[in-house]
Amino acid sequence: MKKNTIKALALATLLLLPSTIMATEFWKSGTIDRILIDTKSYGKCMIKLPVSIGNSCTSNWVSLDCEGKYLDKGDGDRLLNIALIAQNMGKRISVKVDNSKKFGGYCVATRIDILK
């Protein structure tokens, strides 16, 4: 009986663990340390948070996809505008990050919320 219980728990862990670790979309919060605009790389615009993005994203930087490769054309520019407002006002943000979409190892943000 004890062996069957342990096997069942091990199997449940193996089935549930990959789905939680490998989530493609997740949230990160913080202030914006830097904003980068580049005409050739990184999806053309990025923001840097004070904390590591994690979850298979390589650094503190996240692309806003101003290029329009993954998001609808213009969505990256709108995300950039919100980021500029938040940085200018010194507000914290929450960023929804998709680690299945990347520019040179940097994950793409699909949503930005300005926090109170």
C-alpha atoms as a PDB file:
ATOM      1  CA  MET A   1       0.000   0.000   0.000  1.00  0.00           C
ATOM      2  CA  LYS A   2       2.775   2.418   0.946  1.00  0.00           C
ATOM      3  CA  LYS A   3       4.673   1.667  -2.289  1.00  0.00           C
ATOM      4  CA  ASN A   4       1.570   2.388  -4.403  1.00  0.00           C
ATOM      5  CA  THR A   5       1.022   5.700  -2.627  1.00  0.00           C
ATOM      6  CA  ILE A   6       4.629   6.757  -3.194  1.00  0.00           C
ATOM      7  CA  LYS A   7       4.429   5.741  -6.857  1.00  0.00           C
ATOM      8  CA  ALA A   8       1.199   7.699  -7.315  1.00  0.00           C
ATOM      9  CA  LEU A   9       2.714  10.820  -5.715  1.00  0.00           C
ATOM     10  CA  ALA A  10       5.865  10.513  -7.823  1.00  0.00           C
ATOM     11  CA  LEU A  11       3.809  10.151 -10.993  1.00  0.00           C
ATOM     12  CA  ALA A  12       1.624  13.135 -10.100  1.00  0.00           C
ATOM     13  CA  THR A  13       4.742  15.225  -9.442  1.00  0.00           C
ATOM     14  CA  LEU A  14       6.276  14.233 -12.772  1.00  0.00           C
ATOM     15  CA  LEU A  15       3.087  15.131 -14.617  1.00  0.00           C
ATOM     16  CA  LEU A  16       2.446  18.454 -12.882  1.00  0.00           C
ATOM     17  CA  LEU A  17       5.983  19.791 -12.482  1.00  0.00           C
ATOM     18  CA  PRO A  18       6.846  20.291 -16.175  1.00  0.00           C
ATOM     19  CA  SER A  19       3.616  22.158 -16.854  1.00  0.00           C
ATOM     20  CA  THR A  20       4.302  24.652 -14.057  1.00  0.00           C
ATOM     21  CA  ILE A  21       8.004  25.070 -14.797  1.00  0.00           C
ATOM     22  CA  MET A  22       7.511  25.391 -18.528  1.00  0.00           C
ATOM     23  CA  ALA A  23       4.761  27.999 -18.459  1.00  0.00           C
ATOM     24  CA  THR A  24       5.205  30.208 -21.504  1.00  0.00           C
ATOM     25  CA  GLU A  25       3.542  33.297 -20.033  1.00  0.00           C
ATOM     26  CA  PHE A  26       4.242  34.666 -16.585  1.00  0.00           C
ATOM     27  CA  TRP A  27       4.378  38.011 -14.746  1.00  0.00           C
ATOM     28  CA  LYS A  28       7.292  40.100 -13.438  1.00  0.00           C
ATOM     29  CA  SER A  29       6.972  43.354 -11.517  1.00  0.00           C
ATOM     30  CA  GLY A  30       9.317  46.227 -10.761  1.00  0.00           C
ATOM     31  CA  THR A  31      10.349  49.664 -11.875  1.00  0.00           C
ATOM     32  CA  ILE A  32      11.885  50.365 -15.245  1.00  0.00           C
ATOM     33  CA  ASP A  33      15.637  50.917 -14.972  1.00  0.00           C
ATOM     34  CA  ARG A  34      16.320  51.597 -18.640  1.00  0.00           C
ATOM     35  CA  ILE A  35      14.598  51.844 -22.002  1.00  0.00           C
ATOM     36  CA  LEU A  36      16.462  50.857 -25.157  1.00  0.00           C
ATOM     37  CA  ILE A  37      15.580  51.723 -28.760  1.00  0.00           C
ATOM     38  CA  ASP A  38      17.591  49.947 -31.475  1.00  0.00           C
ATOM     39  CA  THR A  39      16.868  50.095 -35.192  1.00  0.00           C
ATOM     40  CA  LYS A  40      18.251  46.614 -35.954  1.00  0.00           C
ATOM     41  CA  SER A  41      18.158  44.338 -32.894  1.00  0.00           C
ATOM     42  CA  TYR A  42      16.074  43.170 -29.925  1.00  0.00           C
ATOM     43  CA  GLY A  43      12.750  43.730 -31.674  1.00  0.00           C
ATOM     44  CA  LYS A  44      13.678  47.443 -31.905  1.00  0.00           C
ATOM     45  CA  CYS A  45      12.795  48.336 -28.284  1.00  0.00           C
ATOM     46  CA  MET A  46      13.369  46.875 -24.817  1.00  0.00           C
ATOM     47  CA  ILE A  47      12.968  47.683 -21.142  1.00  0.00           C
ATOM     48  CA  LYS A  48      15.218  46.672 -18.259  1.00  0.00           C
ATOM     49  CA  LEU A  49      13.782  45.689 -14.892  1.00  0.00           C
ATOM     50  CA  PRO A  50      15.790  45.666 -11.640  1.00  0.00           C
ATOM     51  CA  VAL A  51      15.177  41.909 -11.248  1.00  0.00           C
ATOM     52  CA  SER A  52      16.088  38.976 -13.459  1.00  0.00           C
ATOM     53  CA  ILE A  53      13.212  37.926 -15.706  1.00  0.00           C
ATOM     54  CA  GLY A  54      13.938  34.219 -15.161  1.00  0.00           C
ATOM     55  CA  ASN A  55      11.921  31.286 -16.517  1.00  0.00           C
ATOM     56  CA  SER A  56      14.411  30.710 -19.402  1.00  0.00           C
ATOM     57  CA  CYS A  57      14.769  34.439 -20.141  1.00  0.00           C
ATOM     58  CA  THR A  58      18.444  35.402 -20.093  1.00  0.00           C
ATOM     59  CA  SER A  59      18.608  38.720 -18.221  1.00  0.00           C
ATOM     60  CA  ASN A  60      16.763  41.730 -16.799  1.00  0.00           C
ATOM     61  CA  TRP A  61      15.869  42.930 -20.301  1.00  0.00           C
ATOM     62  CA  VAL A  62      12.580  42.168 -22.054  1.00  0.00           C
ATOM     63  CA  SER A  63      11.697  43.097 -25.642  1.00  0.00           C
ATOM     64  CA  LEU A  64       8.534  45.059 -26.387  1.00  0.00           C
ATOM     65  CA  ASP A  65       8.575  43.893 -30.040  1.00  0.00           C
ATOM     66  CA  CYS A  66       8.308  47.314 -31.657  1.00  0.00           C
ATOM     67  CA  GLU A  67       9.283  45.468 -34.851  1.00  0.00           C
ATOM     68  CA  GLY A  68       5.935  43.653 -34.927  1.00  0.00           C
ATOM     69  CA  LYS A  69       7.355  40.147 -35.405  1.00  0.00           C
ATOM     70  CA  TYR A  70       5.266  38.485 -32.661  1.00  0.00           C
ATOM     71  CA  LEU A  71       2.696  41.145 -31.745  1.00  0.00           C
ATOM     72  CA  ASP A  72       0.284  43.017 -33.991  1.00  0.00           C
ATOM     73  CA  LYS A  73       1.852  46.002 -35.721  1.00  0.00           C
ATOM     74  CA  GLY A  74       1.764  48.994 -33.365  1.00  0.00           C
ATOM     75  CA  ASP A  75       1.268  46.989 -30.152  1.00  0.00           C
ATOM     76  CA  GLY A  76       4.978  47.191 -29.316  1.00  0.00           C
ATOM     77  CA  ASP A  77       4.878  50.962 -29.771  1.00  0.00           C
ATOM     78  CA  ARG A  78       1.933  51.179 -27.376  1.00  0.00           C
ATOM     79  CA  LEU A  79       3.796  49.049 -24.828  1.00  0.00           C
ATOM     80  CA  LEU A  80       6.788  51.369 -25.238  1.00  0.00           C
ATOM     81  CA  ASN A  81       4.572  54.416 -24.613  1.00  0.00           C
ATOM     82  CA  ILE A  82       3.236  52.882 -21.389  1.00  0.00           C
ATOM     83  CA  ALA A  83       6.809  52.030 -20.336  1.00  0.00           C
ATOM     84  CA  LEU A  84       7.923  55.624 -20.976  1.00  0.00           C
ATOM     85  CA  ILE A  85       5.016  56.967 -18.913  1.00  0.00           C
ATOM     86  CA  ALA A  86       5.749  54.573 -16.051  1.00  0.00           C
ATOM     87  CA  GLN A  87       9.452  55.408 -16.027  1.00  0.00           C
ATOM     88  CA  ASN A  88       8.795  59.145 -16.207  1.00  0.00           C
ATOM     89  CA  MET A  89       6.336  58.955 -13.289  1.00  0.00           C
ATOM     90  CA  GLY A  90       8.521  56.569 -11.261  1.00  0.00           C
ATOM     91  CA  LYS A  91       5.724  53.984 -11.137  1.00  0.00           C
ATOM     92  CA  ARG A  92       6.055  50.238 -10.717  1.00  0.00           C
ATOM     93  CA  ILE A  93       4.836  48.024 -13.525  1.00  0.00           C
ATOM     94  CA  SER A  94       3.790  44.427 -14.012  1.00  0.00           C
ATOM     95  CA  VAL A  95       4.930  42.874 -17.268  1.00  0.00           C
ATOM     96  CA  LYS A  96       3.423  39.754 -18.809  1.00  0.00           C
ATOM     97  CA  VAL A  97       6.339  37.915 -20.412  1.00  0.00           C
ATOM     98  CA  ASP A  98       6.155  35.183 -23.039  1.00  0.00           C
ATOM     99  CA  ASN A  99       9.289  33.028 -23.021  1.00  0.00           C
ATOM    100  CA  SER A 100       8.279  31.216 -26.218  1.00  0.00           C
ATOM    101  CA  LYS A 101       8.825  34.451 -28.172  1.00  0.00           C
ATOM    102  CA  LYS A 102      12.405  35.727 -28.188  1.00  0.00           C
ATOM    103  CA  PHE A 103      14.766  38.135 -29.902  1.00  0.00           C
ATOM    104  CA  GLY A 104      18.335  36.862 -29.508  1.00  0.00           C
ATOM    105  CA  GLY A 105      17.531  35.170 -26.198  1.00  0.00           C
ATOM    106  CA  TYR A 106      15.512  38.098 -24.806  1.00  0.00           C
ATOM    107  CA  CYS A 107      11.883  37.286 -24.075  1.00  0.00           C
ATOM    108  CA  VAL A 108       8.966  39.370 -25.350  1.00  0.00           C
ATOM    109  CA  ALA A 109       6.461  41.280 -23.220  1.00  0.00           C
ATOM    110  CA  THR A 110       2.832  40.947 -24.262  1.00  0.00           C
ATOM    111  CA  ARG A 111       1.283  43.272 -21.668  1.00  0.00           C
ATOM    112  CA  ILE A 112       2.326  46.058 -19.293  1.00  0.00           C
ATOM    113  CA  ASP A 113       0.252  47.283 -16.344  1.00  0.00           C
ATOM    114  CA  ILE A 114       1.147  50.460 -14.455  1.00  0.00           C
ATOM    115  CA  LEU A 115       0.677  49.925 -10.722  1.00  0.00           C
ATOM    116  CA  LYS A 116      -0.463  52.517  -8.206  1.00  0.00           C
END
